[in-house]
């Protein structure tokens, strides 16, 4: 796990690497490996678009007829707590203000 953290710290620190580094610091190896796999899938299958009302829509590229998940803020502003990272959700219950009502 330490080698993964070092590798991420030596990278270009894009939003993806920053997210993975945060997860590597919080999760055990098995949970981190699953998070990294799911993060890769999300990067390939999801698209975030700014909507007309200023909210963000998270659209599936795989299921194009599925309605978007709507958030008030950008995805990278979500909580980095262990509960959210382990449950692989976009936000945890600590951040209900992120979801559009």
N, C-alpha and C. Protein backbone atom coordinates (compact mmCIF):
# COMPACT_ATOMS: atom_id res chain seq x y z
N UNK A 1 0.82 -1.18 0.00
CA UNK A 1 0.00 0.00 0.00
C UNK A 1 0.87 1.25 0.00
N UNK A 2 1.96 1.18 0.73
CA UNK A 2 2.88 2.31 0.79
C UNK A 2 3.45 2.62 -0.60
N UNK A 3 3.73 1.57 -1.37
CA UNK A 3 4.26 1.80 -2.72
C UNK A 3 3.22 2.48 -3.61
N UNK A 4 1.95 2.14 -3.42
CA UNK A 4 0.86 2.78 -4.19
C UNK A 4 0.79 4.27 -3.85
N UNK A 5 0.88 4.59 -2.55
CA UNK A 5 0.85 5.99 -2.11
C UNK A 5 2.03 6.76 -2.71
N UNK A 6 3.21 6.17 -2.65
CA UNK A 6 4.41 6.83 -3.21
C UNK A 6 4.26 7.05 -4.72
N UNK A 7 3.75 6.04 -5.41
CA UNK A 7 3.57 6.15 -6.86
C UNK A 7 2.59 7.28 -7.19
N UNK A 8 1.50 7.36 -6.44
CA UNK A 8 0.50 8.41 -6.68
C UNK A 8 1.09 9.79 -6.36
N UNK A 9 1.87 9.90 -5.30
CA UNK A 9 2.47 11.18 -4.93
C UNK A 9 3.48 11.66 -5.96
N UNK A 10 4.10 10.73 -6.67
CA UNK A 10 5.08 11.09 -7.68
C UNK A 10 4.46 11.35 -9.05
N UNK A 11 3.16 11.19 -9.16
CA UNK A 11 2.48 11.41 -10.43
C UNK A 11 2.15 12.87 -10.66
N UNK A 12 1.31 13.12 -11.65
CA UNK A 12 0.98 14.50 -12.02
C UNK A 12 -0.15 15.09 -11.19
N UNK A 13 -0.72 14.33 -10.25
CA UNK A 13 -1.74 14.76 -9.31
C UNK A 13 -2.96 15.40 -9.98
N UNK A 14 -3.50 14.70 -10.94
CA UNK A 14 -4.77 15.10 -11.54
C UNK A 14 -5.87 14.87 -10.50
N UNK A 15 -7.09 15.22 -10.84
CA UNK A 15 -8.21 14.99 -9.91
C UNK A 15 -8.33 13.51 -9.58
N UNK A 16 -8.11 12.66 -10.57
CA UNK A 16 -8.17 11.21 -10.35
C UNK A 16 -7.11 10.74 -9.38
N UNK A 17 -5.87 11.18 -9.57
CA UNK A 17 -4.78 10.76 -8.69
C UNK A 17 -4.97 11.30 -7.27
N UNK A 18 -5.48 12.51 -7.16
CA UNK A 18 -5.75 13.09 -5.84
C UNK A 18 -6.79 12.26 -5.11
N UNK A 19 -7.84 11.86 -5.82
CA UNK A 19 -8.89 11.03 -5.24
C UNK A 19 -8.34 9.67 -4.81
N UNK A 20 -7.56 9.04 -5.67
CA UNK A 20 -6.98 7.74 -5.34
C UNK A 20 -6.02 7.84 -4.16
N UNK A 21 -5.25 8.92 -4.10
CA UNK A 21 -4.32 9.11 -2.98
C UNK A 21 -5.09 9.23 -1.67
N UNK A 22 -6.17 10.00 -1.68
CA UNK A 22 -7.00 10.13 -0.48
C UNK A 22 -7.54 8.77 -0.05
N UNK A 23 -8.01 7.99 -1.00
CA UNK A 23 -8.54 6.66 -0.70
C UNK A 23 -7.43 5.74 -0.17
N UNK A 24 -6.24 5.82 -0.75
CA UNK A 24 -5.13 4.97 -0.32
C UNK A 24 -4.71 5.28 1.11
N UNK A 25 -4.88 6.52 1.53
CA UNK A 25 -4.51 6.91 2.89
C UNK A 25 -5.53 6.44 3.93
N UNK A 26 -6.77 6.16 3.48
CA UNK A 26 -7.86 5.84 4.40
C UNK A 26 -8.21 4.36 4.42
N UNK A 27 -8.18 3.71 3.27
CA UNK A 27 -8.67 2.34 3.14
C UNK A 27 -7.56 1.31 3.30
N UNK A 28 -7.97 0.09 3.66
CA UNK A 28 -7.01 -1.02 3.65
C UNK A 28 -6.79 -1.45 2.20
N UNK A 29 -5.82 -2.33 1.97
CA UNK A 29 -5.44 -2.66 0.61
C UNK A 29 -6.59 -3.25 -0.19
N UNK A 30 -7.32 -4.18 0.39
CA UNK A 30 -8.42 -4.83 -0.33
C UNK A 30 -9.51 -3.83 -0.71
N UNK A 31 -9.89 -2.97 0.23
CA UNK A 31 -10.91 -1.95 -0.05
C UNK A 31 -10.41 -0.95 -1.08
N UNK A 32 -9.13 -0.59 -0.99
CA UNK A 32 -8.56 0.35 -1.95
C UNK A 32 -8.56 -0.24 -3.36
N UNK A 33 -8.18 -1.51 -3.48
CA UNK A 33 -8.15 -2.16 -4.80
C UNK A 33 -9.54 -2.13 -5.44
N UNK A 34 -10.57 -2.39 -4.64
CA UNK A 34 -11.94 -2.35 -5.16
C UNK A 34 -12.34 -0.91 -5.52
N UNK A 35 -11.96 0.04 -4.68
CA UNK A 35 -12.26 1.45 -4.96
C UNK A 35 -11.60 1.89 -6.27
N UNK A 36 -10.34 1.51 -6.46
CA UNK A 36 -9.59 1.88 -7.66
C UNK A 36 -10.24 1.29 -8.91
N UNK A 37 -10.68 0.05 -8.82
CA UNK A 37 -11.37 -0.59 -9.94
C UNK A 37 -12.66 0.14 -10.27
N UNK A 38 -13.43 0.46 -9.24
CA UNK A 38 -14.70 1.16 -9.45
C UNK A 38 -14.48 2.59 -9.93
N UNK A 39 -13.42 3.23 -9.47
CA UNK A 39 -13.10 4.58 -9.94
C UNK A 39 -12.78 4.55 -11.43
N UNK A 40 -12.03 3.54 -11.87
CA UNK A 40 -11.69 3.40 -13.29
C UNK A 40 -12.97 3.21 -14.12
N UNK A 41 -13.87 2.36 -13.62
CA UNK A 41 -15.13 2.13 -14.32
C UNK A 41 -15.94 3.42 -14.40
N UNK A 42 -15.99 4.18 -13.31
CA UNK A 42 -16.73 5.44 -13.30
C UNK A 42 -16.12 6.43 -14.29
N UNK A 43 -14.79 6.49 -14.34
CA UNK A 43 -14.12 7.39 -15.29
C UNK A 43 -14.49 7.04 -16.73
N UNK A 44 -14.67 5.76 -17.00
CA UNK A 44 -14.97 5.31 -18.35
C UNK A 44 -16.46 5.38 -18.69
N UNK A 45 -17.33 5.28 -17.68
CA UNK A 45 -18.76 5.13 -17.94
C UNK A 45 -19.63 6.30 -17.52
N UNK A 46 -19.07 7.30 -16.84
CA UNK A 46 -19.87 8.43 -16.38
C UNK A 46 -19.39 9.73 -16.98
N UNK A 47 -20.32 10.63 -17.17
CA UNK A 47 -20.02 11.96 -17.68
C UNK A 47 -20.72 12.98 -16.78
N UNK A 48 -19.99 14.02 -16.36
CA UNK A 48 -20.56 15.07 -15.52
C UNK A 48 -20.75 16.31 -16.39
N UNK A 49 -21.98 16.82 -16.38
CA UNK A 49 -22.30 17.99 -17.20
C UNK A 49 -22.95 19.07 -16.35
N UNK A 50 -22.54 20.31 -16.59
CA UNK A 50 -23.17 21.45 -15.94
C UNK A 50 -24.52 21.67 -16.60
N UNK A 51 -25.56 21.74 -15.79
CA UNK A 51 -26.91 21.90 -16.32
C UNK A 51 -27.30 23.37 -16.36
N UNK A 52 -28.37 23.70 -17.03
CA UNK A 52 -28.82 25.08 -17.19
C UNK A 52 -29.08 25.79 -15.87
N UNK A 53 -29.52 25.05 -14.85
CA UNK A 53 -29.83 25.67 -13.56
C UNK A 53 -28.62 25.77 -12.63
N UNK A 54 -27.43 25.41 -13.11
CA UNK A 54 -26.20 25.50 -12.32
C UNK A 54 -25.87 24.24 -11.55
N UNK A 55 -26.75 23.26 -11.56
CA UNK A 55 -26.48 21.98 -10.90
C UNK A 55 -25.64 21.11 -11.85
N UNK A 56 -25.16 20.00 -11.33
CA UNK A 56 -24.34 19.08 -12.13
C UNK A 56 -25.11 17.77 -12.33
N UNK A 57 -25.19 17.32 -13.55
CA UNK A 57 -25.83 16.05 -13.86
C UNK A 57 -24.78 14.99 -14.13
N UNK A 58 -24.89 13.86 -13.47
CA UNK A 58 -23.97 12.74 -13.67
C UNK A 58 -24.70 11.75 -14.56
N UNK A 59 -24.25 11.63 -15.80
CA UNK A 59 -24.91 10.83 -16.82
C UNK A 59 -24.14 9.53 -17.06
N UNK A 60 -24.88 8.46 -17.27
CA UNK A 60 -24.27 7.18 -17.62
C UNK A 60 -24.02 7.15 -19.12
N UNK A 61 -22.79 6.82 -19.50
CA UNK A 61 -22.47 6.65 -20.91
C UNK A 61 -22.88 5.26 -21.38
N UNK A 62 -23.05 4.36 -20.45
CA UNK A 62 -23.44 2.99 -20.77
C UNK A 62 -24.95 2.85 -20.92
N UNK A 63 -25.69 3.48 -20.02
CA UNK A 63 -27.15 3.43 -20.04
C UNK A 63 -27.68 4.83 -20.37
N UNK A 64 -27.67 5.14 -21.64
CA UNK A 64 -27.97 6.50 -22.08
C UNK A 64 -29.40 6.93 -21.82
N UNK A 65 -30.31 5.99 -21.63
CA UNK A 65 -31.69 6.36 -21.34
C UNK A 65 -31.95 6.55 -19.84
N UNK A 66 -30.96 6.27 -18.99
CA UNK A 66 -31.11 6.45 -17.55
C UNK A 66 -31.08 7.94 -17.20
N UNK A 67 -31.92 8.36 -16.25
CA UNK A 67 -31.90 9.78 -15.86
C UNK A 67 -30.61 10.10 -15.11
N UNK A 68 -30.13 11.33 -15.20
CA UNK A 68 -28.90 11.68 -14.50
C UNK A 68 -29.12 11.81 -13.00
N UNK A 69 -28.05 11.62 -12.23
CA UNK A 69 -28.07 11.95 -10.80
C UNK A 69 -27.70 13.42 -10.72
N UNK A 70 -28.44 14.18 -9.98
CA UNK A 70 -28.25 15.62 -9.92
C UNK A 70 -27.56 16.02 -8.61
N UNK A 71 -26.49 16.81 -8.72
CA UNK A 71 -25.77 17.31 -7.54
C UNK A 71 -25.69 18.83 -7.61
N UNK A 72 -25.61 19.45 -6.45
CA UNK A 72 -25.51 20.90 -6.37
C UNK A 72 -24.09 21.40 -6.64
N UNK A 73 -23.10 20.58 -6.32
CA UNK A 73 -21.70 20.98 -6.49
C UNK A 73 -20.97 19.96 -7.35
N UNK A 74 -19.76 20.30 -7.72
CA UNK A 74 -18.96 19.38 -8.53
C UNK A 74 -18.65 18.11 -7.75
N UNK A 75 -18.45 17.03 -8.45
CA UNK A 75 -18.19 15.73 -7.83
C UNK A 75 -16.93 15.76 -6.99
N UNK A 76 -15.90 16.48 -7.40
CA UNK A 76 -14.65 16.49 -6.64
C UNK A 76 -14.74 17.27 -5.34
N UNK A 77 -15.89 17.85 -5.01
CA UNK A 77 -16.08 18.53 -3.75
C UNK A 77 -16.73 17.63 -2.71
N UNK A 78 -16.86 16.35 -3.01
CA UNK A 78 -17.53 15.44 -2.10
C UNK A 78 -16.64 15.08 -0.92
N UNK A 79 -17.27 14.49 0.09
CA UNK A 79 -16.59 14.08 1.32
C UNK A 79 -15.58 12.96 1.03
N UNK A 80 -14.45 12.98 1.73
CA UNK A 80 -13.45 11.92 1.57
C UNK A 80 -13.36 11.04 2.80
N UNK A 81 -14.46 10.91 3.54
CA UNK A 81 -14.44 10.08 4.74
C UNK A 81 -14.37 8.60 4.38
N UNK A 82 -13.95 7.81 5.34
CA UNK A 82 -13.82 6.37 5.11
C UNK A 82 -15.15 5.72 4.74
N UNK A 83 -16.24 6.17 5.37
CA UNK A 83 -17.55 5.59 5.09
C UNK A 83 -17.93 5.75 3.62
N UNK A 84 -17.70 6.94 3.05
CA UNK A 84 -18.03 7.14 1.64
C UNK A 84 -17.12 6.33 0.75
N UNK A 85 -15.84 6.33 1.06
CA UNK A 85 -14.89 5.60 0.22
C UNK A 85 -15.16 4.10 0.25
N UNK A 86 -15.47 3.55 1.40
CA UNK A 86 -15.72 2.11 1.50
C UNK A 86 -17.03 1.72 0.83
N UNK A 87 -18.01 2.62 0.84
CA UNK A 87 -19.30 2.31 0.22
C UNK A 87 -19.35 2.72 -1.24
N UNK A 88 -18.24 3.29 -1.73
CA UNK A 88 -18.11 3.63 -3.15
C UNK A 88 -19.24 4.51 -3.66
N UNK A 89 -19.76 5.35 -2.81
CA UNK A 89 -20.83 6.22 -3.26
C UNK A 89 -20.26 7.58 -3.66
N UNK A 90 -21.04 8.33 -4.35
CA UNK A 90 -20.59 9.64 -4.79
C UNK A 90 -20.44 10.58 -3.61
N UNK A 91 -21.38 10.56 -2.70
CA UNK A 91 -21.28 11.33 -1.46
C UNK A 91 -21.76 10.48 -0.30
N UNK A 92 -21.36 10.83 0.91
CA UNK A 92 -21.84 10.12 2.09
C UNK A 92 -22.97 10.91 2.72
N UNK A 93 -23.56 10.36 3.76
CA UNK A 93 -24.69 11.03 4.40
C UNK A 93 -24.26 12.32 5.10
N UNK A 94 -22.96 12.54 5.28
CA UNK A 94 -22.49 13.78 5.88
C UNK A 94 -22.65 14.96 4.93
N UNK A 95 -22.88 14.72 3.67
CA UNK A 95 -22.97 15.77 2.67
C UNK A 95 -24.33 15.82 1.97
N UNK A 96 -25.42 15.84 2.71
CA UNK A 96 -26.72 15.84 2.02
C UNK A 96 -26.96 17.13 1.24
N UNK A 97 -26.26 18.20 1.58
CA UNK A 97 -26.46 19.46 0.89
C UNK A 97 -25.97 19.41 -0.56
N UNK A 98 -25.21 18.39 -0.92
CA UNK A 98 -24.72 18.29 -2.29
C UNK A 98 -25.79 17.85 -3.27
N UNK A 99 -26.79 17.11 -2.77
CA UNK A 99 -27.83 16.62 -3.67
C UNK A 99 -28.86 17.70 -3.91
N UNK A 100 -29.28 17.80 -5.13
CA UNK A 100 -30.31 18.77 -5.50
C UNK A 100 -31.66 18.29 -4.99
N UNK A 101 -32.38 19.18 -4.40
CA UNK A 101 -33.70 18.84 -3.84
C UNK A 101 -34.76 18.99 -4.88
